[in-house]
Protein backbone atom coordinates (compact mmCIF):
# COMPACT_ATOMS: atom_id res chain seq x y z
CA MET A 1 0.00 0.00 0.00
CA LEU A 2 1.24 3.49 -0.87
CA SER A 3 0.13 6.91 0.28
CA ALA A 4 -1.71 9.05 -2.25
CA GLU A 5 1.29 11.37 -2.39
CA ARG A 6 3.73 8.52 -3.17
CA ASN A 7 1.33 7.17 -5.78
CA ARG A 8 1.26 10.56 -7.51
CA MET A 9 5.04 10.63 -7.47
CA LEU A 10 5.17 7.35 -9.42
CA THR A 11 2.47 8.21 -11.92
CA GLN A 12 2.68 11.89 -12.84
CA VAL A 13 4.88 12.53 -15.90
CA ASP A 14 4.41 16.19 -16.90
CA PRO A 15 7.48 18.45 -17.06
CA GLY A 16 8.60 19.40 -13.58
CA THR A 17 7.12 16.36 -11.83
CA PRO A 18 9.58 13.99 -10.08
CA MET A 19 8.83 11.00 -12.34
CA GLY A 20 8.53 13.17 -15.42
CA ASP A 21 12.00 14.55 -14.77
CA LEU A 22 13.41 11.06 -14.23
CA LEU A 23 11.92 9.46 -17.35
CA ARG A 24 13.12 12.37 -19.47
CA ARG A 25 16.68 11.29 -18.73
CA TYR A 26 16.25 8.18 -20.89
CA TRP A 27 15.83 7.68 -24.62
CA GLN A 28 12.24 6.62 -25.28
CA PRO A 29 10.99 4.63 -28.32
CA ILE A 30 8.22 6.68 -29.90
CA GLY A 31 7.38 4.86 -33.15
CA GLY A 32 8.69 3.05 -36.18
CA ALA A 33 10.78 4.65 -38.91
CA SER A 34 8.75 2.80 -41.55
CA GLU A 35 5.67 4.82 -40.55
CA PHE A 36 7.27 7.62 -42.54
CA ASP A 37 7.43 5.61 -45.75
CA SER A 38 3.92 6.86 -46.48
CA LYS A 39 3.77 10.16 -44.57
CA SER A 40 6.08 12.94 -43.48
CA VAL A 41 4.46 14.49 -40.42
CA LYS A 42 2.43 13.24 -37.45
CA ALA A 43 1.12 14.69 -34.22
CA ILE A 44 2.35 12.92 -31.12
CA ARG A 45 1.91 13.39 -27.38
CA LEU A 46 4.70 12.28 -25.05
CA LEU A 47 5.15 12.74 -21.30
CA GLY A 48 2.31 15.27 -21.25
CA GLU A 49 3.73 17.38 -24.11
CA ASP A 50 2.06 17.93 -27.47
CA LEU A 51 4.68 17.57 -30.21
CA THR A 52 5.15 17.11 -33.94
CA LEU A 53 7.29 14.30 -35.34
CA TYR A 54 8.49 14.68 -38.92
CA LYS A 55 10.95 13.43 -41.54
CA ASP A 56 12.20 16.08 -43.94
CA LEU A 57 13.09 15.51 -47.59
CA SER A 58 16.74 14.90 -46.72
CA GLY A 59 15.73 12.01 -44.43
CA THR A 60 16.36 13.83 -41.15
CA PHE A 61 13.87 13.24 -38.33
CA GLY A 62 12.75 16.04 -36.06
CA LEU A 63 10.60 16.26 -32.95
CA VAL A 64 9.39 19.79 -32.26
CA ASP A 65 6.62 21.64 -30.45
CA ARG A 66 3.11 21.07 -31.76
CA HIS A 67 2.65 24.82 -32.30
CA CYS A 68 4.48 27.41 -34.35
CA THR A 69 6.00 30.29 -32.37
CA HIS A 70 4.50 32.82 -34.79
CA ARG A 71 0.74 32.52 -34.36
CA ARG A 72 0.53 29.11 -32.64
CA ALA A 73 -0.62 27.23 -35.75
CA ASP A 74 -0.58 23.42 -35.56
CA LEU A 75 2.74 22.24 -37.05
CA SER A 76 1.41 18.70 -37.53
CA TYR A 77 -0.40 20.19 -40.56
CA GLY A 78 2.83 21.64 -41.86
CA PHE A 79 4.85 20.25 -44.75
CA VAL A 80 8.45 19.18 -44.99
CA GLU A 81 11.18 20.79 -47.06
CA GLN A 82 14.63 19.59 -48.02
CA LYS A 83 15.60 20.78 -44.56
CA GLY A 84 13.03 21.25 -41.86
CA LEU A 85 9.29 21.55 -41.33
CA ARG A 86 7.35 24.51 -42.74
CA CYS A 87 4.27 25.91 -41.02
CA ASN A 88 1.30 25.85 -43.40
CA TYR A 89 -0.06 29.15 -42.05
CA HIS A 90 2.66 31.71 -42.88
CA GLY A 91 5.54 29.54 -44.06
CA TRP A 92 7.92 29.80 -41.16
CA CYS A 93 10.34 26.86 -41.36
CA PHE A 94 12.01 25.08 -38.44
CA ASP A 95 14.90 22.61 -38.48
CA GLU A 96 15.37 19.53 -36.26
CA LEU A 97 17.10 21.69 -33.63
CA GLY A 98 14.06 23.95 -33.43
CA HIS A 99 15.78 26.88 -35.12
CA CYS A 100 13.61 29.08 -37.29
CA ILE A 101 15.52 28.96 -40.57
CA GLU A 102 13.04 30.85 -42.75
CA GLN A 103 10.43 33.60 -42.28
CA PRO A 104 9.47 34.19 -45.94
CA TYR A 105 7.76 37.60 -45.73
CA ASP A 106 10.14 39.06 -43.17
CA ASP A 107 13.18 37.64 -44.95
CA HIS A 108 12.11 39.56 -48.06
CA THR A 109 11.02 42.85 -46.50
CA ASN A 110 13.53 43.12 -43.68
CA PRO A 111 16.45 40.73 -44.31
CA ASN A 112 18.58 42.28 -41.56
CA ASP A 113 15.99 41.70 -38.83
CA ARG A 114 17.51 39.47 -36.12
CA ARG A 115 14.19 38.48 -34.53
CA ARG A 116 14.32 35.06 -36.22
CA GLU A 117 16.98 34.00 -33.71
CA LYS A 118 14.41 34.42 -30.94
CA CYS A 119 11.68 32.43 -32.66
CA ALA A 120 12.91 28.89 -32.07
CA VAL A 121 10.47 26.14 -31.13
CA LYS A 122 11.05 23.49 -28.50
CA ALA A 123 12.89 20.55 -30.08
CA TYR A 124 14.17 17.17 -28.92
CA PRO A 125 16.83 14.88 -30.44
CA VAL A 126 15.62 11.87 -32.44
CA LYS A 127 17.62 8.81 -33.46
CA GLU A 128 16.74 5.76 -35.55
CA VAL A 129 17.98 2.38 -34.27
CA ALA A 130 16.72 -1.09 -35.23
CA GLY A 131 13.81 0.41 -37.14
CA LEU A 132 12.63 2.29 -34.05
CA LEU A 133 12.58 6.04 -33.58
CA TRP A 134 13.91 7.20 -30.21
CA ALA A 135 13.52 10.60 -28.55
CA TYR A 136 15.41 12.18 -25.69
CA MET A 137 13.50 14.87 -23.80
CA GLY A 138 15.82 15.51 -20.86
CA PRO A 139 18.70 17.82 -19.98
CA LEU A 140 21.69 17.92 -22.29
CA PRO A 141 24.16 16.47 -22.95
CA ALA A 142 22.07 13.41 -23.71
CA PRO A 143 23.36 10.02 -22.56
CA GLU A 144 24.20 7.37 -25.13
CA LEU A 145 21.30 5.43 -26.63
CA PRO A 146 21.89 1.78 -25.62
CA ILE A 147 22.13 -0.56 -28.60
CA TRP A 148 20.68 -3.69 -27.02
CA GLU A 149 22.43 -6.81 -28.33
CA PRO A 150 19.33 -8.24 -30.11
CA PHE A 151 19.32 -5.13 -32.30
CA THR A 152 22.62 -6.35 -33.78
CA TRP A 153 21.50 -9.90 -34.62
CA GLN A 154 21.44 -10.83 -38.29
CA ASN A 155 19.16 -12.99 -40.48
CA GLY A 156 16.05 -12.17 -38.53
CA PHE A 157 12.53 -11.01 -39.35
CA ARG A 158 11.74 -7.92 -37.29
CA GLU A 159 8.51 -6.01 -36.82
CA ILE A 160 7.24 -3.19 -34.64
CA ALA A 161 3.73 -3.14 -33.18
CA ILE A 162 2.22 -0.21 -31.32
CA SER A 163 -0.94 0.08 -29.23
CA HIS A 164 -2.62 2.97 -27.43
CA VAL A 165 -3.54 1.87 -23.91
CA PRO A 166 -5.84 4.18 -21.90
CA CYS A 167 -4.19 4.01 -18.50
CA ASN A 168 -1.13 5.20 -16.63
CA TRP A 169 2.25 3.81 -17.68
CA PHE A 170 3.29 2.61 -14.23
CA GLN A 171 0.67 -0.12 -13.83
CA CYS A 172 1.85 -1.39 -17.22
CA GLN A 173 5.48 -1.43 -16.11
CA GLU A 174 4.78 -3.15 -12.79
CA ASN A 175 3.47 -6.04 -14.87
CA SER A 176 7.05 -6.56 -16.09
CA CYS A 177 8.16 -7.82 -12.69
CA ASP A 178 5.11 -9.94 -11.91
CA PRO A 179 5.72 -13.54 -13.04
CA VAL A 180 2.69 -15.09 -11.32
CA HIS A 181 0.31 -13.28 -13.65
CA PHE A 182 1.49 -15.49 -16.54
CA GLU A 183 -0.04 -18.51 -14.83
CA TRP A 184 -3.45 -16.90 -14.40
CA MET A 185 -3.86 -14.09 -16.90
CA HIS A 186 -2.39 -15.92 -19.89
CA ASP A 187 -2.50 -19.65 -19.23
CA ASN A 188 -5.55 -20.25 -17.06
CA TRP A 189 -7.68 -17.39 -18.36
CA SER A 190 -6.99 -18.56 -21.93
CA ILE A 191 -8.28 -22.00 -20.94
CA ARG A 192 -11.48 -20.46 -19.60
CA LEU A 193 -11.88 -18.20 -22.65
CA LYS A 194 -11.96 -21.38 -24.74
CA GLY A 195 -14.91 -22.62 -22.69
CA LYS A 196 -12.90 -25.16 -20.69
CA THR A 197 -12.64 -25.45 -16.92
CA GLY A 198 -9.28 -27.17 -16.85
CA PRO A 199 -6.86 -28.62 -16.41
CA TYR A 200 -5.11 -25.48 -15.22
CA SER A 201 -1.46 -24.75 -15.97
CA PRO A 202 1.41 -25.67 -13.61
CA THR A 203 1.47 -23.43 -10.57
CA HIS A 204 4.42 -21.32 -9.44
CA LEU A 205 6.47 -22.89 -6.65
CA GLN A 206 9.39 -20.53 -6.23
CA LEU A 207 10.29 -16.96 -7.24
CA LYS A 208 13.51 -14.99 -7.13
CA PHE A 209 14.16 -11.34 -8.03
CA GLU A 210 17.57 -9.85 -8.75
CA GLU A 211 18.69 -6.35 -9.65
CA PHE A 212 21.34 -5.67 -12.29
CA PRO A 213 22.58 -2.45 -13.98
CA TYR A 214 19.81 -2.35 -16.58
CA GLY A 215 16.82 -3.42 -14.55
CA PHE A 216 15.52 -6.40 -12.61
CA ILE A 217 15.50 -10.11 -13.40
CA TYR A 218 12.76 -12.39 -12.22
CA LYS A 219 13.27 -16.15 -12.03
CA ARG A 220 10.71 -18.85 -11.35
CA ILE A 221 10.13 -22.55 -10.89
CA ARG A 222 6.74 -24.06 -11.74
CA GLU A 223 5.34 -27.52 -11.17
CA GLY A 224 7.16 -29.94 -13.42
CA GLY A 225 10.13 -27.62 -13.77
CA GLY A 226 13.40 -27.47 -11.89
CA ASP A 227 16.44 -25.40 -11.11
CA GLN A 228 18.04 -26.26 -14.47
CA ASP A 229 15.24 -24.66 -16.47
CA THR A 230 16.20 -21.37 -18.15
CA ASN A 231 13.23 -19.72 -16.41
CA TRP A 232 15.32 -20.18 -13.25
CA THR A 233 18.90 -20.07 -14.51
CA THR A 234 18.40 -17.06 -16.82
CA GLY A 235 15.00 -15.51 -16.18
CA ARG A 236 13.34 -12.52 -17.78
CA VAL A 237 14.18 -8.84 -17.61
CA ALA A 238 12.12 -5.91 -16.36
CA LEU A 239 14.16 -3.44 -18.39
CA TRP A 240 14.86 -0.15 -16.66
CA PRO A 241 13.09 2.21 -16.56
CA ASN A 242 9.96 1.28 -18.57
CA GLY A 243 10.67 -1.81 -20.64
CA PHE A 244 10.37 -5.58 -20.63
CA TYR A 245 12.71 -7.99 -22.45
CA LEU A 246 11.71 -11.58 -23.23
CA SER A 247 14.60 -12.90 -25.37
CA SER A 248 12.93 -12.58 -28.78
CA HIS A 249 11.11 -9.31 -28.20
CA PHE A 250 11.06 -6.05 -26.27
CA GLU A 251 8.11 -4.14 -24.84
CA TRP A 252 8.17 -0.51 -23.74
CA ARG A 253 5.47 1.37 -21.87
CA VAL A 254 5.97 4.99 -22.97
CA PRO A 255 3.89 7.58 -21.11
CA VAL A 256 1.66 9.69 -23.33
CA ASP A 257 0.42 11.55 -20.28
CA ASP A 258 -0.80 10.59 -16.81
CA GLU A 259 -3.75 8.58 -18.16
CA ASN A 260 -2.50 7.11 -21.44
CA THR A 261 0.37 4.88 -22.53
CA LEU A 262 2.00 4.05 -25.84
CA SER A 263 2.85 0.34 -25.89
CA VAL A 264 5.80 -0.06 -28.27
CA THR A 265 6.99 -3.59 -29.08
CA TRP A 266 9.90 -4.84 -31.19
CA PHE A 267 9.96 -8.47 -32.32
CA TYR A 268 12.76 -10.62 -33.75
CA MET A 269 12.55 -14.11 -35.24
CA ARG A 270 15.65 -15.79 -36.68
CA VAL A 271 14.89 -17.34 -40.07
CA PRO A 272 15.49 -21.14 -40.28
CA LYS A 273 18.86 -22.46 -41.26
CA GLY A 274 19.13 -22.64 -45.02
CA ARG A 275 17.21 -19.37 -45.50
CA GLU A 276 20.31 -17.19 -45.04
CA PRO A 277 21.34 -14.63 -45.90
CA TYR A 278 18.11 -12.86 -45.06
CA VAL A 279 18.21 -9.07 -45.31
CA GLN A 280 15.22 -7.04 -44.25
CA ASN A 281 15.31 -3.68 -46.01
CA THR A 282 12.70 -2.07 -43.79
CA VAL A 283 11.15 -3.03 -40.46
CA PRO A 284 7.34 -2.98 -40.79
CA THR A 285 5.41 -0.96 -38.23
CA TRP A 286 1.75 -1.60 -37.49
CA TYR A 287 -0.83 -0.50 -34.95
CA ALA A 288 -2.54 -3.19 -32.90
CA PRO A 289 -6.14 -2.54 -31.80
CA VAL A 290 -7.18 -2.94 -28.17
CA THR A 291 -10.94 -3.23 -28.80
CA ASP A 292 -12.99 -4.99 -31.47
CA ALA A 293 -15.57 -3.55 -33.87
CA HIS A 294 -18.17 -3.60 -31.09
CA GLY A 295 -15.98 -1.71 -28.62
CA GLN A 296 -15.27 -4.83 -26.54
CA TRP A 297 -11.75 -5.44 -25.23
CA ILE A 298 -9.83 -8.00 -27.26
CA THR A 299 -8.75 -10.93 -25.09
CA SER A 300 -7.54 -13.46 -27.67
CA HIS A 301 -3.85 -12.47 -27.68
CA VAL A 302 -1.23 -12.40 -24.94
CA MET A 303 -0.55 -8.67 -24.71
CA ASN A 304 -4.21 -7.83 -25.24
CA GLN A 305 -4.92 -9.80 -22.08
CA ASP A 306 -2.34 -7.64 -20.29
CA PHE A 307 -4.06 -4.51 -21.55
CA VAL A 308 -7.35 -5.64 -20.03
CA ALA A 309 -5.69 -6.06 -16.64
CA TRP A 310 -3.92 -2.72 -16.77
CA VAL A 311 -6.94 -0.72 -17.86
CA GLY A 312 -9.09 -2.59 -15.35
CA GLN A 313 -7.05 -1.01 -12.55
CA GLY A 314 -8.38 2.39 -13.58
CA ARG A 315 -6.84 5.24 -15.51
CA ILE A 316 -4.42 5.61 -12.59
CA ALA A 317 -4.32 2.67 -10.18
CA ASP A 318 -5.21 3.64 -6.62
CA ARG A 319 -2.38 2.00 -4.70
CA THR A 320 -3.73 3.29 -1.38
CA LYS A 321 -6.29 0.46 -1.54
CA GLU A 322 -4.14 -2.47 -2.62
CA VAL A 323 -2.95 -5.41 -0.50
CA LEU A 324 0.41 -6.78 -1.67
CA SER A 325 1.32 -10.43 -1.06
CA GLY A 326 4.37 -12.68 -1.19
CA GLY A 327 4.45 -12.83 -4.99
CA ASP A 328 4.79 -9.06 -5.19
CA VAL A 329 8.42 -8.74 -4.10
CA GLY A 330 9.38 -7.53 -7.56
CA ILE A 331 6.70 -4.84 -7.42
CA SER A 332 8.08 -3.46 -4.16
CA MET A 333 11.65 -3.58 -5.49
CA ILE A 334 10.77 -1.55 -8.58
CA ARG A 335 8.84 1.06 -6.63
CA ASN A 336 11.61 1.53 -4.09
CA ARG A 337 14.21 1.86 -6.83
CA PHE A 338 12.17 4.56 -8.57
CA PHE A 339 11.86 6.52 -5.34
CA SER A 340 15.64 6.23 -4.85
CA GLU A 341 16.40 7.37 -8.40
CA ILE A 342 14.03 10.34 -8.09
CA ASP A 343 16.05 11.43 -5.05
CA LEU A 344 19.34 10.71 -6.84
CA ILE A 345 18.78 13.00 -9.83
CA LYS A 346 18.07 15.88 -7.46
CA THR A 347 21.78 15.71 -6.57
CA GLY A 348 22.77 16.07 -10.21
CA ALA A 349 23.91 12.46 -10.58
CA ASP A 350 23.05 10.21 -13.51
CA PRO A 351 20.22 7.74 -12.77
CA LYS A 352 20.35 3.96 -13.00
CA GLY A 353 21.30 2.48 -16.36
CA THR A 354 22.77 5.68 -17.82
CA ILE A 355 25.56 5.06 -20.35
CA ARG A 356 27.97 7.86 -21.23
CA ASP A 357 30.65 5.81 -22.99
CA PRO A 358 29.85 5.35 -26.71
CA GLU A 359 31.79 2.08 -26.85
CA ALA A 360 29.88 0.65 -23.89
CA ALA A 361 26.58 1.57 -25.57
CA ARG A 362 27.46 -0.01 -28.92
CA CYS A 363 26.26 -3.51 -27.96
CA VAL A 364 24.68 -3.98 -24.51
CA GLU A 365 24.12 -7.61 -23.52
CA LEU A 366 21.04 -8.73 -21.62
CA PRO A 367 20.13 -12.08 -20.02
CA CYS A 368 18.56 -14.13 -22.79
CA GLN A 369 16.94 -17.55 -22.84
CA GLN A 370 17.74 -19.66 -25.93
CA LYS A 371 20.28 -17.07 -27.04
CA GLN A 372 22.26 -19.31 -29.38
CA VAL A 373 19.09 -20.58 -31.03
CA LEU A 374 18.08 -17.00 -31.74
CA ILE A 375 21.52 -16.11 -33.10
CA ASP A 376 22.55 -19.28 -34.94
CA GLY A 377 19.12 -20.47 -35.99
CA ILE A 378 17.64 -23.97 -36.19
CA GLU A 379 16.29 -26.15 -38.96
CA LEU A 380 12.62 -25.64 -39.76
CA GLY A 381 11.88 -29.19 -38.59
CA GLU A 382 13.32 -28.42 -35.14
CA TYR A 383 10.82 -25.72 -34.23
CA PRO A 384 8.41 -28.09 -32.40
CA LYS A 385 11.18 -28.54 -29.79
CA TYR A 386 10.80 -24.86 -28.91
CA PRO A 387 7.08 -24.23 -28.22
CA LEU A 388 7.23 -20.43 -27.97
CA LEU A 389 9.14 -20.14 -31.24
CA ASN A 390 7.02 -22.78 -32.93
CA GLN A 391 3.83 -20.84 -32.18
CA ARG A 392 5.08 -18.00 -34.38
CA LEU A 393 5.03 -20.29 -37.40
CA SER A 394 1.25 -20.71 -37.24
CA GLY A 395 0.29 -17.17 -36.23
CA PHE A 396 1.10 -14.05 -34.25
CA ARG A 397 0.09 -14.72 -30.67
CA HIS A 398 1.26 -11.52 -29.01
CA LEU A 399 -1.11 -8.88 -30.38
CA ALA A 400 -4.30 -8.82 -32.42
CA GLY A 401 -4.45 -7.21 -35.81
CA GLN A 402 -1.21 -8.19 -37.53
CA PRO A 403 -1.69 -6.95 -41.13
CA PRO A 404 -1.81 -9.64 -43.85
CA GLU A 405 1.13 -8.07 -45.69
CA VAL A 406 3.31 -8.39 -42.58
CA ARG A 407 2.24 -11.99 -42.06
CA ASN A 408 2.93 -12.77 -45.72
CA ALA A 409 6.39 -11.23 -45.49
CA PHE A 410 7.08 -13.40 -42.44
CA VAL A 411 5.83 -16.53 -44.23
CA ASP A 412 8.03 -15.78 -47.24
CA ALA A 413 11.08 -15.18 -45.05
CA PHE A 414 10.61 -18.53 -43.33
CA GLY A 415 9.80 -20.51 -46.47
CA LEU A 416 6.32 -21.44 -45.24
CA GLU A 417 3.24 -22.03 -47.37
CA ARG A 418 0.76 -19.18 -47.61
């Protein structure tokens, strides 16, 4: 149980709030680069700020204020130039640093006027890595953007899926250090959704939580398992500060504002041996729905089931009314670490997981189950030995709404029949 004040500290993300200031010190994934294959500009809201994300004609990405400094026109309706984004109202043009580089009428009538230098818009750095677009919204100089080791793996089919989840980011992230929910929310609930009453899945017998430089690791033993299982020897990663890593995919819970979250996921599947070299020229990005055509929550896919749980806690979970139990050790660890890091940055120190050395950030290793299988690949006939990988051959189990063209590209990459 937390006090209302402590709960606000964990959940509020606007500029100037304790958590908002902390999360701004990390690079956040905000979308897929391939979204801009068919458009140049989009409105986006991040950490309580209304912004405009664009790709100019030279291929440079920019993230600037939603509104022009001139007359506050909406820059998401602007159009891109060879360099920068031009406001559609009076033609002022801004580059990726926020500088106003053109004021057409004033440049013609009063070319020596220096006011342009005072007309910059708010702007944040953007980088493209592994098909994802990343933004840094904190104080400069920015830390290095970690290149997680899976981003460097070759011969894999990658895709990015994004969902809009109408609740606070922190109840989503707490899920990342809650192994028991897999037994009930995914395994047993799926059994009941199919109209069956059992048998239920193996129950959890033992849990262990460990902290490491880039987050927390949870390990578990279930009925029928043992201490040699990779769920115990390796575990899964609650990636600091707002991610989750499960060997073949990442999930991030990016705050839109206090009551909405952008779920950004990156998936990797190594093509079977004999299908190399496989080169993916672009990483497809698609948006996964959270409700069906009738407005009902989708419950058929793994992450959609998570969404139902998160949203069911309310727009912002009221932690003053909760009763934690023995399986919630990871939850308490994460909360306490966030409170400590909030205090730490007040001293001017870098928070947990910050990387300043470019070489150290070039390839950051994480605990990974079945790592060699994911790197080296296996024969197509061996997939039944690996149930989680094998399920990908018959369909996409993580999120509803995978577009047919993405599924077909996956099928072609793996040499499967359409």
